Amino acid sequence: MKNMWMVRSHGGELISLFLEKGVVALGWHAAGSFAGLSKTEIKKSLEKEFTENLRSIPAWTGMIENFVRSIDVGDYVLTYDPEARVYYVGEVTSDYFFDPALGKNYANLRRVKWRSSSISRDLLSAKARHSLGSLSTVFKVSADAQKEILCVLDGKDTAVVTSEEIKEEVQLQSLELSENSTEILKDAISGLSPDEMEELLKEILNAMGYVARRSPKGADRGIDVFASKDGLGLEEPRIFAEVKHHSGKMDAQTIRTFLGGRQDGDKCLFLSTGGFTKDARYEAERSKIPLSLIDMDLLAELVRLHYDNFRSEGKLLLPLKKVYIPVTQGE
């Protein structure tokens, strides 16, 4: 049985190129041709060219390898036009080739013989539509979805799509998008340097209405960020914060050391992207000095809650875009 592959059209931007030139295409042209390269070699060529996107390169490598090496001549290929809400189906007619003259910024190419008719997304079942919702640029379509797509394309009967199925699909996709966005946000935060993490906490406190500043480098006595209402520490609360990034779980002794020397009226924060041991959390709970422990999950939630009030410097530090997703009534 021939496989079917989704190759996304970059939000519909490449639909004209795909259909008029009879191709499917990928970007990453700056890395040059991937012909004859192993997966390791593809990864190295991306790392050399895209030094600011190292966290994305493993995923890119897998998609490129599928496009270059896994797709066979004769396989089906599928792409989507989000503006028209239709899928186009074709058959791959060539091996991978690299041609900047044809594809410009999308010079990694496969030739395709497209079928003359398209498929409305609304004709597919909720299950099929959901399976085609992967964020990957290139992925293999499931056998069930492939069978349904070909049946619809050939005019054969398929299950009627009900309004309840559509509602269920919207709920499922909204939940999945919400969960994925949380992990993507945490990935972005994790990619910050230790200095940038201190800046991020400072921006959160500023957005919450405090005046925060980072401690000078050197003997900070365990304090990385200080905040108060007046910025001078003359008005309570006075907030002392320690930041540990990529340092593993903090233990109880680390918490005791941090709290040493704090006075009545002080408030404390300890941010650790590596989390805290059970004993460290117990130490914080029984402390006479109010102390909040911030792990990666809480940090991501604080960013979401206060990002709108970040200053321009904070938004440059962690560029984010607000996305609206549908919810069911009552949520």
Foldseek 3Di string as FASTA:
>chain_A
DAWEKEAECVQQVNPCLCVVVQKGFAAPCVLPDCPPPDLVRQLVSCCVPPVVPNVCSVLVSVQVCCQQPVHDQQHKYWYAHVVQQKIKIWGFHAHWDADCVSVVRGRTITGTDTDPDIGHNQADFLVLNLQPPDPRNMDIRDPVNVVRRVCVVVVHDDDHHDPVRVVVSLAVVVVVVVVVVLVVLLVLLLPDDQVLVLVLVCQLVVLVQWHKDADDPDPPQQFGMWTANVNPCPDDDIETEHEAHPPAADEQVVLVSNCPPDDPNYAYEYEYQNYYDPRNVVSQVPDPHNYDYHYSSNSSVSCVVRVVSGDPVNCVSPPDDDDDGDDDPPD
